[in-house]
C-alpha cells in the first residue's frame, strides 16, 4: 500500500531539505513504517497551488477528450501529448516539469529528488498542508472503531486482531507518532504541528510503501 505524507523540515535550501529528510526517514525503514519510499512518487506536484492544479487537471482532460469523472488516463495519451501538456502547465504559471499522479502511478523511475513542487518552501504550500493536517477527530474515530470491534469479538466469542489494529492506529494518532496514519508530520517537533513562523521551513511530499 502506498501512503502520501507531507514532511515539514527546517532547512537552508532545497538540497538541505532533501538531505535532512533522507536522514529523518532512515530509522523508519525495514517495515517499521516503510519498506520503500521516495520524494514525490505518486503524489508528485501535489503541493502545487491547489487552484492552478485543479485548472491544469481540467484542461488536461479536455485536451485528451476525457470526462471530468474519468478516473485516469493512459501513459500512451500522456506521451503523445507531453509537449501540449507542458504548455498548459507553463501557461498557468506552474513551475518545473508537468508530471502528475498519472506518471507516478505507472512509472517508478521518477527522479529521486522529486520535481519542483515536491520540495518547496512551506509558505508556498501552506494551504495544502493545512488541508491535509489530521485533527483530533481522526484519533477518536479509531478509538470508536476499536470499541465496536471489541464488542463484536465479545459477542462472537472469538478473538480478532482488528481491535488491536484499531488500538494501535488510535495510539499512533493520539500521541502523534510518525506512522502510516499521519498526513503531515513536523520532523523538528516530532508531531503533527505546523510552525507559526514559516520562514526557513520546507514542505516535502513523500510517497511511502509498506
C-alpha atoms as a PDB file:
ATOM      1  CA  UNK A   1       0.000   0.000   0.000  1.00  0.00           C
ATOM      2  CA  UNK A   2       1.188   3.494  -0.844  1.00  0.00           C
ATOM      3  CA  UNK A   3       0.765   6.433   1.527  1.00  0.00           C
ATOM      4  CA  UNK A   4       1.376  10.120   0.990  1.00  0.00           C
ATOM      5  CA  UNK A   5       2.738  12.268   3.799  1.00  0.00           C
ATOM      6  CA  UNK A   6       3.937  15.866   3.822  1.00  0.00           C
ATOM      7  CA  UNK A   7       7.063  16.221   5.944  1.00  0.00           C
ATOM      8  CA  UNK A   8       7.906  19.639   7.398  1.00  0.00           C
ATOM      9  CA  UNK A   9      11.585  20.389   7.942  1.00  0.00           C
ATOM     10  CA  UNK A  10      13.761  23.376   8.767  1.00  0.00           C
ATOM     11  CA  UNK A  11      16.355  23.844   6.037  1.00  0.00           C
ATOM     12  CA  UNK A  12      18.601  26.412   4.400  1.00  0.00           C
ATOM     13  CA  UNK A  13      17.613  25.432   0.855  1.00  0.00           C
ATOM     14  CA  UNK A  14      16.075  22.643  -1.257  1.00  0.00           C
ATOM     15  CA  UNK A  15      19.181  20.457  -1.199  1.00  0.00           C
ATOM     16  CA  UNK A  16      19.495  20.779   2.567  1.00  0.00           C
ATOM     17  CA  UNK A  17      15.813  19.887   2.962  1.00  0.00           C
ATOM     18  CA  UNK A  18      16.274  16.721   0.886  1.00  0.00           C
ATOM     19  CA  UNK A  19      19.351  15.721   2.887  1.00  0.00           C
ATOM     20  CA  UNK A  20      17.591  16.221   6.216  1.00  0.00           C
ATOM     21  CA  UNK A  21      14.521  14.277   5.055  1.00  0.00           C
ATOM     22  CA  UNK A  22      16.739  11.367   3.992  1.00  0.00           C
ATOM     23  CA  UNK A  23      18.260  11.363   7.481  1.00  0.00           C
ATOM     24  CA  UNK A  24      14.827  11.535   9.108  1.00  0.00           C
ATOM     25  CA  UNK A  25      13.348   8.664   7.093  1.00  0.00           C
ATOM     26  CA  UNK A  26      16.224   6.215   7.525  1.00  0.00           C
ATOM     27  CA  UNK A  27      15.367   4.889  11.040  1.00  0.00           C
ATOM     28  CA  UNK A  28      11.796   4.098   9.986  1.00  0.00           C
ATOM     29  CA  UNK A  29      12.772   1.630   7.245  1.00  0.00           C
ATOM     30  CA  UNK A  30      12.748  -2.173   7.117  1.00  0.00           C
ATOM     31  CA  UNK A  31       8.992  -2.209   7.607  1.00  0.00           C
ATOM     32  CA  UNK A  32       8.925  -0.133  10.804  1.00  0.00           C
ATOM     33  CA  UNK A  33       6.934   2.441   8.819  1.00  0.00           C
ATOM     34  CA  UNK A  34       8.064   1.912   5.229  1.00  0.00           C
ATOM     35  CA  UNK A  35       9.781  -0.689   3.045  1.00  0.00           C
ATOM     36  CA  UNK A  36      10.160   1.739   0.104  1.00  0.00           C
ATOM     37  CA  UNK A  37       9.835   5.490  -0.242  1.00  0.00           C
ATOM     38  CA  UNK A  38      10.718   8.382  -2.475  1.00  0.00           C
ATOM     39  CA  UNK A  39      10.132  12.097  -2.786  1.00  0.00           C
ATOM     40  CA  UNK A  40       7.112  12.868  -4.955  1.00  0.00           C
ATOM     41  CA  UNK A  41       6.277   9.466  -6.422  1.00  0.00           C
ATOM     42  CA  UNK A  42       2.557   9.004  -6.982  1.00  0.00           C
ATOM     43  CA  UNK A  43       1.894  12.363  -5.352  1.00  0.00           C
ATOM     44  CA  UNK A  44       4.397  14.368  -7.381  1.00  0.00           C
ATOM     45  CA  UNK A  45       3.490  18.023  -7.861  1.00  0.00           C
ATOM     46  CA  UNK A  46       0.559  17.772  -5.436  1.00  0.00           C
ATOM     47  CA  UNK A  47       1.989  20.711  -3.486  1.00  0.00           C
ATOM     48  CA  UNK A  48       1.410  22.984  -6.470  1.00  0.00           C
ATOM     49  CA  UNK A  49      -1.170  25.750  -5.874  1.00  0.00           C
ATOM     50  CA  UNK A  50      -4.482  23.971  -5.463  1.00  0.00           C
ATOM     51  CA  UNK A  51      -6.468  26.249  -7.785  1.00  0.00           C
ATOM     52  CA  UNK A  52      -3.900  26.015 -10.593  1.00  0.00           C
ATOM     53  CA  UNK A  53      -3.557  22.259 -10.188  1.00  0.00           C
ATOM     54  CA  UNK A  54      -7.330  21.847 -10.470  1.00  0.00           C
ATOM     55  CA  UNK A  55      -7.369  24.004 -13.607  1.00  0.00           C
ATOM     56  CA  UNK A  56      -4.482  22.007 -15.085  1.00  0.00           C
ATOM     57  CA  UNK A  57      -6.304  18.715 -14.499  1.00  0.00           C
ATOM     58  CA  UNK A  58      -9.431  20.183 -16.088  1.00  0.00           C
ATOM     59  CA  UNK A  59      -7.587  21.372 -19.198  1.00  0.00           C
ATOM     60  CA  UNK A  60      -5.644  18.108 -19.413  1.00  0.00           C
ATOM     61  CA  UNK A  61      -8.853  16.081 -19.547  1.00  0.00           C
ATOM     62  CA  UNK A  62     -10.344  18.473 -22.096  1.00  0.00           C
ATOM     63  CA  UNK A  63      -7.280  18.062 -24.317  1.00  0.00           C
ATOM     64  CA  UNK A  64      -7.478  14.273 -24.102  1.00  0.00           C
ATOM     65  CA  UNK A  65     -11.259  14.143 -24.570  1.00  0.00           C
ATOM     66  CA  UNK A  66     -11.930  12.738 -21.114  1.00  0.00           C
ATOM     67  CA  UNK A  67     -14.942  13.322 -18.892  1.00  0.00           C
ATOM     68  CA  UNK A  68     -14.488  15.046 -15.547  1.00  0.00           C
ATOM     69  CA  UNK A  69     -15.432  11.779 -13.827  1.00  0.00           C
ATOM     70  CA  UNK A  70     -12.939   9.608 -15.725  1.00  0.00           C
ATOM     71  CA  UNK A  71     -10.554   8.105 -13.137  1.00  0.00           C
ATOM     72  CA  UNK A  72      -7.328   8.209 -15.129  1.00  0.00           C
ATOM     73  CA  UNK A  73      -5.520   8.400 -18.436  1.00  0.00           C
ATOM     74  CA  UNK A  74      -3.149   6.117 -20.274  1.00  0.00           C
ATOM     75  CA  UNK A  75       0.611   6.508 -20.465  1.00  0.00           C
ATOM     76  CA  UNK A  76       0.216   6.471 -24.256  1.00  0.00           C
ATOM     77  CA  UNK A  77      -2.019   9.556 -24.118  1.00  0.00           C
ATOM     78  CA  UNK A  78       0.475  11.245 -21.830  1.00  0.00           C
ATOM     79  CA  UNK A  79       3.473  10.576 -24.040  1.00  0.00           C
ATOM     80  CA  UNK A  80       1.645  11.561 -27.238  1.00  0.00           C
ATOM     81  CA  UNK A  81       0.629  14.893 -25.729  1.00  0.00           C
ATOM     82  CA  UNK A  82       3.592  15.659 -23.478  1.00  0.00           C
ATOM     83  CA  UNK A  83       4.544  18.959 -25.173  1.00  0.00           C
ATOM     84  CA  UNK A  84       0.958  20.237 -25.183  1.00  0.00           C
ATOM     85  CA  UNK A  85       0.506  19.292 -21.548  1.00  0.00           C
ATOM     86  CA  UNK A  86       3.740  21.051 -20.618  1.00  0.00           C
ATOM     87  CA  UNK A  87       2.480  24.144 -22.445  1.00  0.00           C
ATOM     88  CA  UNK A  88      -0.745  24.109 -20.432  1.00  0.00           C
ATOM     89  CA  UNK A  89       1.310  23.701 -17.254  1.00  0.00           C
ATOM     90  CA  UNK A  90       3.539  26.675 -18.025  1.00  0.00           C
ATOM     91  CA  UNK A  91       0.686  28.884 -19.272  1.00  0.00           C
ATOM     92  CA  UNK A  92      -0.916  28.511 -15.849  1.00  0.00           C
ATOM     93  CA  UNK A  93       2.275  29.851 -14.292  1.00  0.00           C
ATOM     94  CA  UNK A  94       3.283  26.480 -12.854  1.00  0.00           C
ATOM     95  CA  UNK A  95       6.982  25.662 -12.453  1.00  0.00           C
ATOM     96  CA  UNK A  96       9.095  22.630 -13.301  1.00  0.00           C
ATOM     97  CA  UNK A  97       8.011  19.684 -15.408  1.00  0.00           C
ATOM     98  CA  UNK A  98       4.442  18.620 -15.955  1.00  0.00           C
ATOM     99  CA  UNK A  99       4.405  15.312 -14.087  1.00  0.00           C
ATOM    100  CA  UNK A 100       1.334  14.120 -12.250  1.00  0.00           C
ATOM    101  CA  UNK A 101      -0.119  11.119 -10.444  1.00  0.00           C
ATOM    102  CA  UNK A 102      -0.690   9.500 -13.818  1.00  0.00           C
ATOM    103  CA  UNK A 103       3.062   9.335 -14.385  1.00  0.00           C
ATOM    104  CA  UNK A 104       3.829   8.236 -10.850  1.00  0.00           C
ATOM    105  CA  UNK A 105       1.083   5.648 -10.876  1.00  0.00           C
ATOM    106  CA  UNK A 106       2.724   3.732 -13.686  1.00  0.00           C
ATOM    107  CA  UNK A 107       6.389   4.747 -13.624  1.00  0.00           C
ATOM    108  CA  UNK A 108       8.543   4.066 -10.578  1.00  0.00           C
ATOM    109  CA  UNK A 109      11.684   5.520 -12.176  1.00  0.00           C
ATOM    110  CA  UNK A 110      10.739   9.124 -11.414  1.00  0.00           C
ATOM    111  CA  UNK A 111      13.552  11.415 -10.197  1.00  0.00           C
ATOM    112  CA  UNK A 112      14.595  10.518  -6.654  1.00  0.00           C
ATOM    113  CA  UNK A 113      14.598  14.133  -5.506  1.00  0.00           C
ATOM    114  CA  UNK A 114      11.170  14.876  -6.953  1.00  0.00           C
ATOM    115  CA  UNK A 115      10.025  17.749  -9.133  1.00  0.00           C
ATOM    116  CA  UNK A 116       9.776  21.437  -8.261  1.00  0.00           C
ATOM    117  CA  UNK A 117       6.580  21.185  -6.222  1.00  0.00           C
ATOM    118  CA  UNK A 118       7.681  18.128  -4.230  1.00  0.00           C
ATOM    119  CA  UNK A 119      10.196  20.100  -2.150  1.00  0.00           C
ATOM    120  CA  UNK A 120       9.147  23.725  -1.725  1.00  0.00           C
ATOM    121  CA  UNK A 121       9.168  26.474   0.899  1.00  0.00           C
ATOM    122  CA  UNK A 122       6.371  25.826   3.381  1.00  0.00           C
ATOM    123  CA  UNK A 123       4.961  29.292   2.724  1.00  0.00           C
ATOM    124  CA  UNK A 124       4.148  28.189  -0.852  1.00  0.00           C
ATOM    125  CA  UNK A 125       2.349  25.044   0.283  1.00  0.00           C
ATOM    126  CA  UNK A 126       0.656  26.165   3.484  1.00  0.00           C
ATOM    127  CA  UNK A 127      -2.869  25.911   2.036  1.00  0.00           C
ATOM    128  CA  UNK A 128      -2.391  22.252   1.090  1.00  0.00           C
ATOM    129  CA  UNK A 129      -0.586  21.458   4.361  1.00  0.00           C
ATOM    130  CA  UNK A 130      -3.450  22.854   6.451  1.00  0.00           C
ATOM    131  CA  UNK A 131      -5.953  20.983   4.289  1.00  0.00           C
ATOM    132  CA  UNK A 132      -4.116  17.692   4.895  1.00  0.00           C
ATOM    133  CA  UNK A 133      -3.500  18.066   8.639  1.00  0.00           C
ATOM    134  CA  UNK A 134      -5.191  15.405  10.772  1.00  0.00           C
ATOM    135  CA  UNK A 135      -7.392  16.590  13.623  1.00  0.00           C
ATOM    136  CA  UNK A 136      -8.143  15.000  16.989  1.00  0.00           C
ATOM    137  CA  UNK A 137     -11.347  13.610  15.468  1.00  0.00           C
ATOM    138  CA  UNK A 138      -9.358  11.039  13.472  1.00  0.00           C
ATOM    139  CA  UNK A 139      -7.887   9.548  16.653  1.00  0.00           C
ATOM    140  CA  UNK A 140     -11.330   9.394  18.256  1.00  0.00           C
ATOM    141  CA  UNK A 141     -12.665   7.672  15.137  1.00  0.00           C
ATOM    142  CA  UNK A 142     -10.075   4.915  15.560  1.00  0.00           C
ATOM    143  CA  UNK A 143     -10.931   4.624  19.262  1.00  0.00           C
ATOM    144  CA  UNK A 144     -14.625   4.175  18.430  1.00  0.00           C
ATOM    145  CA  UNK A 145     -13.799   1.520  15.843  1.00  0.00           C
ATOM    146  CA  UNK A 146     -11.695  -0.318  18.426  1.00  0.00           C
ATOM    147  CA  UNK A 147     -14.620  -0.383  20.878  1.00  0.00           C
ATOM    148  CA  UNK A 148     -17.022  -1.532  18.167  1.00  0.00           C
ATOM    149  CA  UNK A 149     -14.679  -4.336  17.163  1.00  0.00           C
ATOM    150  CA  UNK A 150     -14.180  -5.455  20.766  1.00  0.00           C
ATOM    151  CA  UNK A 151     -17.968  -5.664  21.165  1.00  0.00           C
ATOM    152  CA  UNK A 152     -18.199  -7.793  18.027  1.00  0.00           C
ATOM    153  CA  UNK A 153     -15.438 -10.079  19.347  1.00  0.00           C
ATOM    154  CA  UNK A 154     -17.180 -10.341  22.712  1.00  0.00           C
ATOM    155  CA  UNK A 155     -20.483 -11.377  21.138  1.00  0.00           C
ATOM    156  CA  UNK A 156     -18.857 -13.871  18.783  1.00  0.00           C
ATOM    157  CA  UNK A 157     -16.658 -15.343  21.481  1.00  0.00           C
ATOM    158  CA  UNK A 158     -13.738 -15.179  19.095  1.00  0.00           C
ATOM    159  CA  UNK A 159     -10.603 -13.152  19.463  1.00  0.00           C
ATOM    160  CA  UNK A 160      -9.759 -10.978  16.472  1.00  0.00           C
ATOM    161  CA  UNK A 161      -6.764  -8.881  15.566  1.00  0.00           C
ATOM    162  CA  UNK A 162      -8.871  -5.967  14.310  1.00  0.00           C
ATOM    163  CA  UNK A 163      -9.461  -4.450  17.749  1.00  0.00           C
ATOM    164  CA  UNK A 164      -5.696  -4.497  18.305  1.00  0.00           C
ATOM    165  CA  UNK A 165      -5.205  -2.939  14.882  1.00  0.00           C
ATOM    166  CA  UNK A 166      -7.525  -0.032  15.709  1.00  0.00           C
ATOM    167  CA  UNK A 167      -5.942   0.338  19.154  1.00  0.00           C
ATOM    168  CA  UNK A 168      -2.537   0.762  17.536  1.00  0.00           C
ATOM    169  CA  UNK A 169      -3.870   3.260  14.998  1.00  0.00           C
ATOM    170  CA  UNK A 170      -5.522   5.198  17.838  1.00  0.00           C
ATOM    171  CA  UNK A 171      -2.269   5.353  19.825  1.00  0.00           C
ATOM    172  CA  UNK A 172      -0.273   6.491  16.785  1.00  0.00           C
ATOM    173  CA  UNK A 173      -2.706   9.324  16.118  1.00  0.00           C
ATOM    174  CA  UNK A 174      -3.332  10.248  19.752  1.00  0.00           C
ATOM    175  CA  UNK A 175       0.375  10.580  20.521  1.00  0.00           C
ATOM    176  CA  UNK A 176       1.132  11.984  17.056  1.00  0.00           C
ATOM    177  CA  UNK A 177       3.751   9.392  16.089  1.00  0.00           C
ATOM    178  CA  UNK A 178       5.291   9.213  12.650  1.00  0.00           C
ATOM    179  CA  UNK A 179       3.367   6.340  11.101  1.00  0.00           C
ATOM    180  CA  UNK A 180       1.361   5.233   8.094  1.00  0.00           C
ATOM    181  CA  UNK A 181      -1.605   7.089   9.583  1.00  0.00           C
ATOM    182  CA  UNK A 182      -0.237  10.638   9.537  1.00  0.00           C
ATOM    183  CA  UNK A 183      -0.736  13.050   6.653  1.00  0.00           C
ATOM    184  CA  UNK A 184       1.504  15.891   7.823  1.00  0.00           C
ATOM    185  CA  UNK A 185       4.462  15.447  10.167  1.00  0.00           C
ATOM    186  CA  UNK A 186       6.736  18.031  11.724  1.00  0.00           C
ATOM    187  CA  UNK A 187      10.198  16.437  11.719  1.00  0.00           C
ATOM    188  CA  UNK A 188      11.574  19.003  14.166  1.00  0.00           C
ATOM    189  CA  UNK A 189       8.896  18.728  16.865  1.00  0.00           C
ATOM    190  CA  UNK A 190       8.027  15.075  16.087  1.00  0.00           C
ATOM    191  CA  UNK A 191       4.304  15.724  15.994  1.00  0.00           C
ATOM    192  CA  UNK A 192       1.548  16.948  13.662  1.00  0.00           C
ATOM    193  CA  UNK A 193       2.071  20.649  14.372  1.00  0.00           C
ATOM    194  CA  UNK A 194       2.533  23.383  11.777  1.00  0.00           C
ATOM    195  CA  UNK A 195       5.072  26.075  12.717  1.00  0.00           C
ATOM    196  CA  UNK A 196       3.723  29.581  13.182  1.00  0.00           C
ATOM    197  CA  UNK A 197       6.794  31.147  11.567  1.00  0.00           C
ATOM    198  CA  UNK A 198       7.061  29.702   8.042  1.00  0.00           C
ATOM    199  CA  UNK A 199      10.372  31.245   7.003  1.00  0.00           C
ATOM    200  CA  UNK A 200      13.180  28.690   6.883  1.00  0.00           C
ATOM    201  CA  UNK A 201      10.794  25.735   6.599  1.00  0.00           C
ATOM    202  CA  UNK A 202      10.213  23.372   3.675  1.00  0.00           C
ATOM    203  CA  UNK A 203       7.346  21.042   2.843  1.00  0.00           C
ATOM    204  CA  UNK A 204       8.414  17.731   1.287  1.00  0.00           C
ATOM    205  CA  UNK A 205       5.929  15.378  -0.349  1.00  0.00           C
ATOM    206  CA  UNK A 206       6.731  11.732   0.366  1.00  0.00           C
ATOM    207  CA  UNK A 207       5.356   8.580  -1.259  1.00  0.00           C
ATOM    208  CA  UNK A 208       5.994   5.614   1.039  1.00  0.00           C
ATOM    209  CA  UNK A 209       5.020   1.968   0.760  1.00  0.00           C
ATOM    210  CA  UNK A 210       4.533  -0.797   3.307  1.00  0.00           C
END
